[in-house]
């Protein structure tokens, strides 16, 4: 009577099996951290865009008024020191002296307009109910675990993963549950050729992969910690707790803007009076 021959598992295969388990656990942790970082980044970015749309415009206007105050103070000082000075020459000097400040204000204005557009896109993005949002996050974690470029085994695989992750990130950013489901179905039939390697090669790869994933986990955790330590996150957290942070900041800036506009009006009136007095 013949007996079935059982295949003996080598020590290398057992060790490789243990490393595979560790790798899968770390991949899951990477996917969870990536999802947490993406969700938090998305939420803080939405708050930042809303902040700029409401308060950023006020800050830009405040900076313009402050610049105008500085310029009129310079005009008044020049005319007070030299009543016969040519106003056109004074204007040329002021344009040169304050050109850098004007450029900074214009740059801030452009950034604020960009944030306003982001806020408008965010406002128009469809909202998911709690169940759909939970599924979207679950699918994102699974897809990040499967496709993230940092998990690639070769340069060729990294390039392919980068293209797919762009689709994943876009689908998650748009909260397109159907697109995420489609990508998840595509993932089921994709698997890089790996089994042809020898057990020794696989074991060397697995040992290096565990170390690399540990480094990656530490990096993502550091990114999360840095985001949570940022001033924008602190303001967002206060807003999440029910404090009308943006409304309060807008009120403070509006009050300061009103005071500066009053001062500017006084300076303009003083400047015009000096001009009138200097006329023959």
C-alpha atoms as a PDB file:
ATOM      1  CA  UNK A   1       0.000   0.000   0.000  1.00  0.00           C
ATOM      2  CA  UNK A   2       1.516   3.276  -1.051  1.00  0.00           C
ATOM      3  CA  UNK A   3       1.803   6.188   1.332  1.00  0.00           C
ATOM      4  CA  UNK A   4       1.435   9.838   0.405  1.00  0.00           C
ATOM      5  CA  UNK A   5       4.693  11.685   0.646  1.00  0.00           C
ATOM      6  CA  UNK A   6       4.403  14.791   2.760  1.00  0.00           C
ATOM      7  CA  UNK A   7       6.485  17.741   1.710  1.00  0.00           C
ATOM      8  CA  UNK A   8       8.906  18.849   4.428  1.00  0.00           C
ATOM      9  CA  UNK A   9       8.842  22.579   5.073  1.00  0.00           C
ATOM     10  CA  UNK A  10      12.356  23.934   5.352  1.00  0.00           C
ATOM     11  CA  UNK A  11      13.468  26.301   8.159  1.00  0.00           C
ATOM     12  CA  UNK A  12      13.899  29.034   5.544  1.00  0.00           C
ATOM     13  CA  UNK A  13      10.298  28.567   4.403  1.00  0.00           C
ATOM     14  CA  UNK A  14       9.007  28.714   7.982  1.00  0.00           C
ATOM     15  CA  UNK A  15      11.008  31.862   8.649  1.00  0.00           C
ATOM     16  CA  UNK A  16       9.796  33.382   5.400  1.00  0.00           C
ATOM     17  CA  UNK A  17       6.230  32.580   6.422  1.00  0.00           C
ATOM     18  CA  UNK A  18       6.706  34.441   9.695  1.00  0.00           C
ATOM     19  CA  UNK A  19       8.093  37.443   7.842  1.00  0.00           C
ATOM     20  CA  UNK A  20       5.156  37.392   5.423  1.00  0.00           C
ATOM     21  CA  UNK A  21       2.789  37.696   8.389  1.00  0.00           C
ATOM     22  CA  UNK A  22       4.821  40.635   9.740  1.00  0.00           C
ATOM     23  CA  UNK A  23       4.828  42.276   6.323  1.00  0.00           C
ATOM     24  CA  UNK A  24       1.062  41.994   5.975  1.00  0.00           C
ATOM     25  CA  UNK A  25       0.556  43.494   9.425  1.00  0.00           C
ATOM     26  CA  UNK A  26       2.847  46.377   8.590  1.00  0.00           C
ATOM     27  CA  UNK A  27       1.152  46.921   5.235  1.00  0.00           C
ATOM     28  CA  UNK A  28      -2.161  47.122   7.035  1.00  0.00           C
ATOM     29  CA  UNK A  29      -0.692  49.643   9.464  1.00  0.00           C
ATOM     30  CA  UNK A  30       0.707  51.693   6.573  1.00  0.00           C
ATOM     31  CA  UNK A  31      -2.691  51.672   4.866  1.00  0.00           C
ATOM     32  CA  UNK A  32      -4.440  52.761   8.079  1.00  0.00           C
ATOM     33  CA  UNK A  33      -1.935  55.551   8.660  1.00  0.00           C
ATOM     34  CA  UNK A  34      -2.169  56.667   5.037  1.00  0.00           C
ATOM     35  CA  UNK A  35      -5.955  56.806   5.328  1.00  0.00           C
ATOM     36  CA  UNK A  36      -5.746  58.764   8.588  1.00  0.00           C
ATOM     37  CA  UNK A  37      -3.233  61.180   7.081  1.00  0.00           C
ATOM     38  CA  UNK A  38      -5.282  61.617   3.887  1.00  0.00           C
ATOM     39  CA  UNK A  39      -8.514  62.216   5.815  1.00  0.00           C
ATOM     40  CA  UNK A  40      -6.925  64.651   8.249  1.00  0.00           C
ATOM     41  CA  UNK A  41      -5.043  66.473   5.499  1.00  0.00           C
ATOM     42  CA  UNK A  42      -8.277  66.744   3.548  1.00  0.00           C
ATOM     43  CA  UNK A  43     -10.195  68.110   6.534  1.00  0.00           C
ATOM     44  CA  UNK A  44      -7.500  70.615   7.528  1.00  0.00           C
ATOM     45  CA  UNK A  45      -7.069  71.721   3.904  1.00  0.00           C
ATOM     46  CA  UNK A  46     -10.823  72.309   3.622  1.00  0.00           C
ATOM     47  CA  UNK A  47     -10.727  74.405   6.801  1.00  0.00           C
ATOM     48  CA  UNK A  48      -7.680  76.296   5.501  1.00  0.00           C
ATOM     49  CA  UNK A  49      -9.457  77.060   2.234  1.00  0.00           C
ATOM     50  CA  UNK A  50     -12.589  78.195   4.101  1.00  0.00           C
ATOM     51  CA  UNK A  51     -10.438  80.351   6.371  1.00  0.00           C
ATOM     52  CA  UNK A  52      -8.752  82.027   3.408  1.00  0.00           C
ATOM     53  CA  UNK A  53     -12.040  82.498   1.591  1.00  0.00           C
ATOM     54  CA  UNK A  54     -13.467  84.321   4.606  1.00  0.00           C
ATOM     55  CA  UNK A  55     -10.494  85.838   6.448  1.00  0.00           C
ATOM     56  CA  UNK A  56      -7.730  85.799   3.843  1.00  0.00           C
ATOM     57  CA  UNK A  57      -9.444  88.436   1.732  1.00  0.00           C
ATOM     58  CA  UNK A  58      -9.702  90.680   4.806  1.00  0.00           C
ATOM     59  CA  UNK A  59      -6.013  90.206   5.591  1.00  0.00           C
ATOM     60  CA  UNK A  60      -5.043  91.120   2.039  1.00  0.00           C
ATOM     61  CA  UNK A  61      -7.154  94.270   2.235  1.00  0.00           C
ATOM     62  CA  UNK A  62      -5.649  95.080   5.632  1.00  0.00           C
ATOM     63  CA  UNK A  63      -2.156  94.719   4.177  1.00  0.00           C
ATOM     64  CA  UNK A  64      -3.077  97.015   1.287  1.00  0.00           C
ATOM     65  CA  UNK A  65      -4.381  99.650   3.680  1.00  0.00           C
ATOM     66  CA  UNK A  66      -1.277  99.364   5.871  1.00  0.00           C
ATOM     67  CA  UNK A  67       0.895  99.786   2.786  1.00  0.00           C
ATOM     68  CA  UNK A  68      -1.098 102.849   1.732  1.00  0.00           C
ATOM     69  CA  UNK A  69      -0.634 104.277   5.250  1.00  0.00           C
ATOM     70  CA  UNK A  70       3.133 103.804   5.031  1.00  0.00           C
ATOM     71  CA  UNK A  71       3.190 105.448   1.620  1.00  0.00           C
ATOM     72  CA  UNK A  72       1.163 108.476   2.705  1.00  0.00           C
ATOM     73  CA  UNK A  73       3.280 108.893   5.813  1.00  0.00           C
ATOM     74  CA  UNK A  74       6.340 108.917   3.533  1.00  0.00           C
ATOM     75  CA  UNK A  75       4.704 111.517   1.247  1.00  0.00           C
ATOM     76  CA  UNK A  76       3.853 113.738   4.200  1.00  0.00           C
ATOM     77  CA  UNK A  77       7.370 113.449   5.639  1.00  0.00           C
ATOM     78  CA  UNK A  78       8.923 114.350   2.279  1.00  0.00           C
ATOM     79  CA  UNK A  79       6.665 117.374   1.740  1.00  0.00           C
ATOM     80  CA  UNK A  80       7.074 118.539   5.333  1.00  0.00           C
ATOM     81  CA  UNK A  81      10.863 118.411   4.980  1.00  0.00           C
ATOM     82  CA  UNK A  82      10.864 120.002   1.506  1.00  0.00           C
ATOM     83  CA  UNK A  83       7.620 121.905   0.736  1.00  0.00           C
ATOM     84  CA  UNK A  84       8.874 122.822  -2.740  1.00  0.00           C
ATOM     85  CA  UNK A  85       9.600 119.202  -3.736  1.00  0.00           C
ATOM     86  CA  UNK A  86       8.112 118.006  -7.001  1.00  0.00           C
ATOM     87  CA  UNK A  87       5.161 115.658  -6.202  1.00  0.00           C
ATOM     88  CA  UNK A  88       5.897 113.603  -9.335  1.00  0.00           C
ATOM     89  CA  UNK A  89       9.452 112.960  -8.118  1.00  0.00           C
ATOM     90  CA  UNK A  90       8.111 111.963  -4.712  1.00  0.00           C
ATOM     91  CA  UNK A  91       5.719 109.494  -6.347  1.00  0.00           C
ATOM     92  CA  UNK A  92       8.560 107.925  -8.339  1.00  0.00           C
ATOM     93  CA  UNK A  93      10.594 107.511  -5.149  1.00  0.00           C
ATOM     94  CA  UNK A  94       7.656 105.952  -3.302  1.00  0.00           C
ATOM     95  CA  UNK A  95       6.988 103.460  -6.104  1.00  0.00           C
ATOM     96  CA  UNK A  96      10.615 102.380  -5.944  1.00  0.00           C
ATOM     97  CA  UNK A  97      10.771 102.298  -2.147  1.00  0.00           C
ATOM     98  CA  UNK A  98       7.617 100.199  -1.702  1.00  0.00           C
ATOM     99  CA  UNK A  99       7.826  97.976  -4.788  1.00  0.00           C
ATOM    100  CA  UNK A 100       8.771  94.875  -2.783  1.00  0.00           C
ATOM    101  CA  UNK A 101       5.902  95.375  -0.317  1.00  0.00           C
ATOM    102  CA  UNK A 102       3.480  95.790  -3.225  1.00  0.00           C
ATOM    103  CA  UNK A 103       4.734  92.568  -4.775  1.00  0.00           C
ATOM    104  CA  UNK A 104       4.196  90.662  -1.514  1.00  0.00           C
ATOM    105  CA  UNK A 105       0.655  91.979  -1.190  1.00  0.00           C
ATOM    106  CA  UNK A 106      -0.083  91.006  -4.799  1.00  0.00           C
ATOM    107  CA  UNK A 107       1.313  87.507  -4.156  1.00  0.00           C
ATOM    108  CA  UNK A 108      -0.882  87.175  -1.058  1.00  0.00           C
ATOM    109  CA  UNK A 109      -3.852  88.315  -3.097  1.00  0.00           C
ATOM    110  CA  UNK A 110      -3.170  85.638  -5.732  1.00  0.00           C
ATOM    111  CA  UNK A 111      -2.854  82.946  -3.047  1.00  0.00           C
ATOM    112  CA  UNK A 112      -6.104  84.056  -1.453  1.00  0.00           C
ATOM    113  CA  UNK A 113      -7.892  83.821  -4.786  1.00  0.00           C
ATOM    114  CA  UNK A 114      -6.497  80.315  -5.235  1.00  0.00           C
ATOM    115  CA  UNK A 115      -7.766  79.319  -1.794  1.00  0.00           C
ATOM    116  CA  UNK A 116     -11.166  80.784  -2.621  1.00  0.00           C
ATOM    117  CA  UNK A 117     -11.354  78.547  -5.686  1.00  0.00           C
ATOM    118  CA  UNK A 118     -10.366  75.527  -3.576  1.00  0.00           C
ATOM    119  CA  UNK A 119     -13.037  76.399  -1.050  1.00  0.00           C
ATOM    120  CA  UNK A 120     -15.650  76.653  -3.777  1.00  0.00           C
ATOM    121  CA  UNK A 121     -14.692  73.230  -5.137  1.00  0.00           C
ATOM    122  CA  UNK A 122     -14.808  71.811  -1.606  1.00  0.00           C
ATOM    123  CA  UNK A 123     -18.222  73.363  -1.029  1.00  0.00           C
ATOM    124  CA  UNK A 124     -19.538  71.752  -4.193  1.00  0.00           C
ATOM    125  CA  UNK A 125     -18.101  68.309  -3.422  1.00  0.00           C
ATOM    126  CA  UNK A 126     -20.828  65.769  -2.640  1.00  0.00           C
ATOM    127  CA  UNK A 127     -21.152  64.693   0.979  1.00  0.00           C
ATOM    128  CA  UNK A 128     -21.521  61.030   1.901  1.00  0.00           C
ATOM    129  CA  UNK A 129     -23.613  59.654   4.723  1.00  0.00           C
ATOM    130  CA  UNK A 130     -21.826  57.984   7.633  1.00  0.00           C
ATOM    131  CA  UNK A 131     -22.090  54.474   6.168  1.00  0.00           C
ATOM    132  CA  UNK A 132     -20.847  55.503   2.730  1.00  0.00           C
ATOM    133  CA  UNK A 133     -18.024  57.577   4.262  1.00  0.00           C
ATOM    134  CA  UNK A 134     -16.957  54.559   6.308  1.00  0.00           C
ATOM    135  CA  UNK A 135     -16.919  52.374   3.182  1.00  0.00           C
ATOM    136  CA  UNK A 136     -14.950  55.012   1.257  1.00  0.00           C
ATOM    137  CA  UNK A 137     -12.302  55.092   3.983  1.00  0.00           C
ATOM    138  CA  UNK A 138     -12.179  51.277   4.125  1.00  0.00           C
ATOM    139  CA  UNK A 139     -11.741  51.018   0.363  1.00  0.00           C
ATOM    140  CA  UNK A 140      -9.085  53.733   0.424  1.00  0.00           C
ATOM    141  CA  UNK A 141      -7.130  51.828   3.090  1.00  0.00           C
ATOM    142  CA  UNK A 142      -7.347  48.608   1.079  1.00  0.00           C
ATOM    143  CA  UNK A 143      -6.309  50.308  -2.146  1.00  0.00           C
ATOM    144  CA  UNK A 144      -3.448  52.171  -0.460  1.00  0.00           C
ATOM    145  CA  UNK A 145      -2.253  48.868   0.953  1.00  0.00           C
ATOM    146  CA  UNK A 146      -2.377  47.330  -2.507  1.00  0.00           C
ATOM    147  CA  UNK A 147      -1.190  50.168  -4.720  1.00  0.00           C
ATOM    148  CA  UNK A 148       0.812  52.739  -2.786  1.00  0.00           C
ATOM    149  CA  UNK A 149       4.157  53.435  -4.528  1.00  0.00           C
ATOM    150  CA  UNK A 150       6.066  53.176  -1.243  1.00  0.00           C
ATOM    151  CA  UNK A 151       5.185  49.470  -1.180  1.00  0.00           C
ATOM    152  CA  UNK A 152       6.612  48.723  -4.650  1.00  0.00           C
ATOM    153  CA  UNK A 153       9.175  45.994  -5.116  1.00  0.00           C
ATOM    154  CA  UNK A 154      10.771  47.497  -8.239  1.00  0.00           C
ATOM    155  CA  UNK A 155      11.013  50.758 -10.168  1.00  0.00           C
ATOM    156  CA  UNK A 156       8.669  49.392 -12.823  1.00  0.00           C
ATOM    157  CA  UNK A 157       6.070  48.448 -10.238  1.00  0.00           C
ATOM    158  CA  UNK A 158       6.459  51.838  -8.529  1.00  0.00           C
ATOM    159  CA  UNK A 159       5.658  53.648 -11.790  1.00  0.00           C
ATOM    160  CA  UNK A 160       2.525  51.545 -12.285  1.00  0.00           C
ATOM    161  CA  UNK A 161       1.439  52.078  -8.680  1.00  0.00           C
ATOM    162  CA  UNK A 162       1.912  55.850  -8.937  1.00  0.00           C
ATOM    163  CA  UNK A 163      -0.524  56.018 -11.848  1.00  0.00           C
ATOM    164  CA  UNK A 164      -3.097  53.943 -10.000  1.00  0.00           C
ATOM    165  CA  UNK A 165      -2.704  55.870  -6.744  1.00  0.00           C
ATOM    166  CA  UNK A 166      -3.434  59.097  -8.596  1.00  0.00           C
ATOM    167  CA  UNK A 167      -6.796  57.593  -9.512  1.00  0.00           C
ATOM    168  CA  UNK A 168      -7.306  56.349  -5.957  1.00  0.00           C
ATOM    169  CA  UNK A 169      -6.508  59.737  -4.420  1.00  0.00           C
ATOM    170  CA  UNK A 170      -8.737  61.540  -6.917  1.00  0.00           C
ATOM    171  CA  UNK A 171     -11.625  59.164  -6.243  1.00  0.00           C
ATOM    172  CA  UNK A 172     -11.233  59.522  -2.471  1.00  0.00           C
ATOM    173  CA  UNK A 173     -10.857  63.292  -2.705  1.00  0.00           C
ATOM    174  CA  UNK A 174     -14.075  63.486  -4.741  1.00  0.00           C
ATOM    175  CA  UNK A 175     -15.741  60.979  -2.394  1.00  0.00           C
ATOM    176  CA  UNK A 176     -16.659  58.940  -5.463  1.00  0.00           C
ATOM    177  CA  UNK A 177     -17.662  55.645  -3.887  1.00  0.00           C
ATOM    178  CA  UNK A 178     -18.369  54.029  -7.252  1.00  0.00           C
ATOM    179  CA  UNK A 179     -14.872  54.881  -8.526  1.00  0.00           C
ATOM    180  CA  UNK A 180     -13.311  53.406  -5.389  1.00  0.00           C
ATOM    181  CA  UNK A 181     -15.361  50.230  -5.794  1.00  0.00           C
ATOM    182  CA  UNK A 182     -14.232  49.954  -9.421  1.00  0.00           C
ATOM    183  CA  UNK A 183     -10.585  50.328  -8.435  1.00  0.00           C
ATOM    184  CA  UNK A 184     -11.059  47.703  -5.726  1.00  0.00           C
ATOM    185  CA  UNK A 185     -12.402  45.250  -8.335  1.00  0.00           C
ATOM    186  CA  UNK A 186      -9.423  45.980 -10.576  1.00  0.00           C
ATOM    187  CA  UNK A 187      -7.085  45.223  -7.662  1.00  0.00           C
ATOM    188  CA  UNK A 188      -8.437  41.703  -7.373  1.00  0.00           C
ATOM    189  CA  UNK A 189      -6.909  40.652 -10.703  1.00  0.00           C
ATOM    190  CA  UNK A 190      -3.533  42.392 -10.338  1.00  0.00           C
ATOM    191  CA  UNK A 191      -0.558  40.711  -8.700  1.00  0.00           C
ATOM    192  CA  UNK A 192       3.137  41.234  -9.578  1.00  0.00           C
ATOM    193  CA  UNK A 193       5.099  38.119 -10.534  1.00  0.00           C
ATOM    194  CA  UNK A 194       7.005  37.127  -7.432  1.00  0.00           C
ATOM    195  CA  UNK A 195       6.587  33.412  -6.880  1.00  0.00           C
ATOM    196  CA  UNK A 196       9.324  32.477  -9.341  1.00  0.00           C
ATOM    197  CA  UNK A 197      12.039  33.596  -6.929  1.00  0.00           C
ATOM    198  CA  UNK A 198      13.888  31.092  -4.763  1.00  0.00           C
ATOM    199  CA  UNK A 199      13.028  30.830  -1.085  1.00  0.00           C
ATOM    200  CA  UNK A 200      16.397  32.331  -0.219  1.00  0.00           C
ATOM    201  CA  UNK A 201      15.725  35.374  -2.403  1.00  0.00           C
ATOM    202  CA  UNK A 202      12.253  35.739  -0.931  1.00  0.00           C
ATOM    203  CA  UNK A 203      13.635  35.585   2.610  1.00  0.00           C
ATOM    204  CA  UNK A 204      16.241  38.277   1.924  1.00  0.00           C
ATOM    205  CA  UNK A 205      13.548  40.435   0.356  1.00  0.00           C
ATOM    206  CA  UNK A 206      11.198  39.842   3.308  1.00  0.00           C
ATOM    207  CA  UNK A 207      13.801  40.859   5.893  1.00  0.00           C
ATOM    208  CA  UNK A 208      14.531  44.068   3.998  1.00  0.00           C
ATOM    209  CA  UNK A 209      10.832  44.682   3.435  1.00  0.00           C
ATOM    210  CA  UNK A 210      10.053  44.555   7.154  1.00  0.00           C
ATOM    211  CA  UNK A 211      12.792  47.093   7.860  1.00  0.00           C
ATOM    212  CA  UNK A 212      11.612  49.325   5.025  1.00  0.00           C
ATOM    213  CA  UNK A 213       7.996  49.213   6.170  1.00  0.00           C
ATOM    214  CA  UNK A 214       9.060  50.070   9.724  1.00  0.00           C
ATOM    215  CA  UNK A 215      10.841  53.139   8.360  1.00  0.00           C
ATOM    216  CA  UNK A 216       7.780  54.030   6.298  1.00  0.00           C
ATOM    217  CA  UNK A 217       5.475  53.711   9.302  1.00  0.00           C
ATOM    218  CA  UNK A 218       7.755  55.997  11.303  1.00  0.00           C
ATOM    219  CA  UNK A 219       7.752  58.552   8.476  1.00  0.00           C
ATOM    220  CA  UNK A 220       3.957  58.604   8.159  1.00  0.00           C
ATOM    221  CA  UNK A 221       3.540  58.826  11.926  1.00  0.00           C
ATOM    222  CA  UNK A 222       5.940  61.789  11.918  1.00  0.00           C
ATOM    223  CA  UNK A 223       3.904  63.454   9.145  1.00  0.00           C
ATOM    224  CA  UNK A 224       0.731  62.967  11.172  1.00  0.00           C
ATOM    225  CA  UNK A 225       2.379  64.356  14.298  1.00  0.00           C
ATOM    226  CA  UNK A 226       3.641  67.409  12.386  1.00  0.00           C
ATOM    227  CA  UNK A 227       0.179  68.075  10.964  1.00  0.00           C
ATOM    228  CA  UNK A 228      -1.441  67.722  14.391  1.00  0.00           C
ATOM    229  CA  UNK A 229       1.119  70.128  15.848  1.00  0.00           C
ATOM    230  CA  UNK A 230       0.448  72.817  13.224  1.00  0.00           C
ATOM    231  CA  UNK A 231      -1.364  76.054  13.998  1.00  0.00           C
ATOM    232  CA  UNK A 232      -3.917  75.345  11.280  1.00  0.00           C
ATOM    233  CA  UNK A 233      -4.776  72.002  12.904  1.00  0.00           C
ATOM    234  CA  UNK A 234      -5.185  73.743  16.260  1.00  0.00           C
ATOM    235  CA  UNK A 235      -7.649  76.201  14.727  1.00  0.00           C
ATOM    236  CA  UNK A 236      -9.448  73.393  12.910  1.00  0.00           C
ATOM    237  CA  UNK A 237      -9.748  71.434  16.165  1.00  0.00           C
ATOM    238  CA  UNK A 238     -11.301  74.432  17.891  1.00  0.00           C
ATOM    239  CA  UNK A 239     -13.747  74.761  15.010  1.00  0.00           C
ATOM    240  CA  UNK A 240     -14.572  71.046  15.310  1.00  0.00           C
ATOM    241  CA  UNK A 241     -15.282  71.551  19.010  1.00  0.00           C
ATOM    242  CA  UNK A 242     -17.946  74.095  18.132  1.00  0.00           C
ATOM    243  CA  UNK A 243     -16.002  77.334  18.492  1.00  0.00           C
ATOM    244  CA  UNK A 244     -16.766  79.741  15.600  1.00  0.00           C
ATOM    245  CA  UNK A 245     -13.066  80.281  14.941  1.00  0.00           C
ATOM    246  CA  UNK A 246     -13.397  81.708  11.434  1.00  0.00           C
ATOM    247  CA  UNK A 247     -16.204  84.072  12.453  1.00  0.00           C
ATOM    248  CA  UNK A 248     -14.189  85.345  15.429  1.00  0.00           C
ATOM    249  CA  UNK A 249     -11.055  85.896  13.356  1.00  0.00           C
ATOM    250  CA  UNK A 250     -13.048  87.640  10.635  1.00  0.00           C
ATOM    251  CA  UNK A 251     -14.579  89.982  13.227  1.00  0.00           C
ATOM    252  CA  UNK A 252     -11.163  90.840  14.706  1.00  0.00           C
ATOM    253  CA  UNK A 253      -9.600  91.536  11.302  1.00  0.00           C
ATOM    254  CA  UNK A 254     -12.633  93.565  10.199  1.00  0.00           C
ATOM    255  CA  UNK A 255     -12.356  95.747  13.306  1.00  0.00           C
ATOM    256  CA  UNK A 256      -8.635  96.322  12.714  1.00  0.00           C
ATOM    257  CA  UNK A 257      -9.320  97.067   9.053  1.00  0.00           C
ATOM    258  CA  UNK A 258     -11.895  99.718   9.999  1.00  0.00           C
ATOM    259  CA  UNK A 259      -9.392 101.413  12.326  1.00  0.00           C
ATOM    260  CA  UNK A 260      -6.684 101.430   9.672  1.00  0.00           C
ATOM    261  CA  UNK A 261      -9.056 102.824   7.052  1.00  0.00           C
ATOM    262  CA  UNK A 262      -9.908 105.697   9.397  1.00  0.00           C
ATOM    263  CA  UNK A 263      -6.202 106.412   9.876  1.00  0.00           C
ATOM    264  CA  UNK A 264      -5.609 106.271   6.116  1.00  0.00           C
ATOM    265  CA  UNK A 265      -8.447 108.753   5.529  1.00  0.00           C
ATOM    266  CA  UNK A 266      -6.857 111.146   8.019  1.00  0.00           C
ATOM    267  CA  UNK A 267      -3.458 110.858   6.314  1.00  0.00           C
ATOM    268  CA  UNK A 268      -4.951 111.455   2.872  1.00  0.00           C
ATOM    269  CA  UNK A 269      -6.714 114.556   4.165  1.00  0.00           C
ATOM    270  CA  UNK A 270      -3.468 115.814   5.736  1.00  0.00           C
ATOM    271  CA  UNK A 271      -1.535 115.153   2.518  1.00  0.00           C
ATOM    272  CA  UNK A 272      -4.057 117.055   0.413  1.00  0.00           C
ATOM    273  CA  UNK A 273      -3.992 119.954   2.847  1.00  0.00           C
ATOM    274  CA  UNK A 274      -0.211 120.159   2.550  1.00  0.00           C
ATOM    275  CA  UNK A 275      -0.473 120.103  -1.242  1.00  0.00           C
ATOM    276  CA  UNK A 276      -3.014 122.941  -1.195  1.00  0.00           C
ATOM    277  CA  UNK A 277      -0.893 125.010   1.167  1.00  0.00           C
ATOM    278  CA  UNK A 278       2.171 124.587  -1.020  1.00  0.00           C
ATOM    279  CA  UNK A 279       0.446 125.974  -4.093  1.00  0.00           C
ATOM    280  CA  UNK A 280       1.557 129.556  -4.988  1.00  0.00           C
END
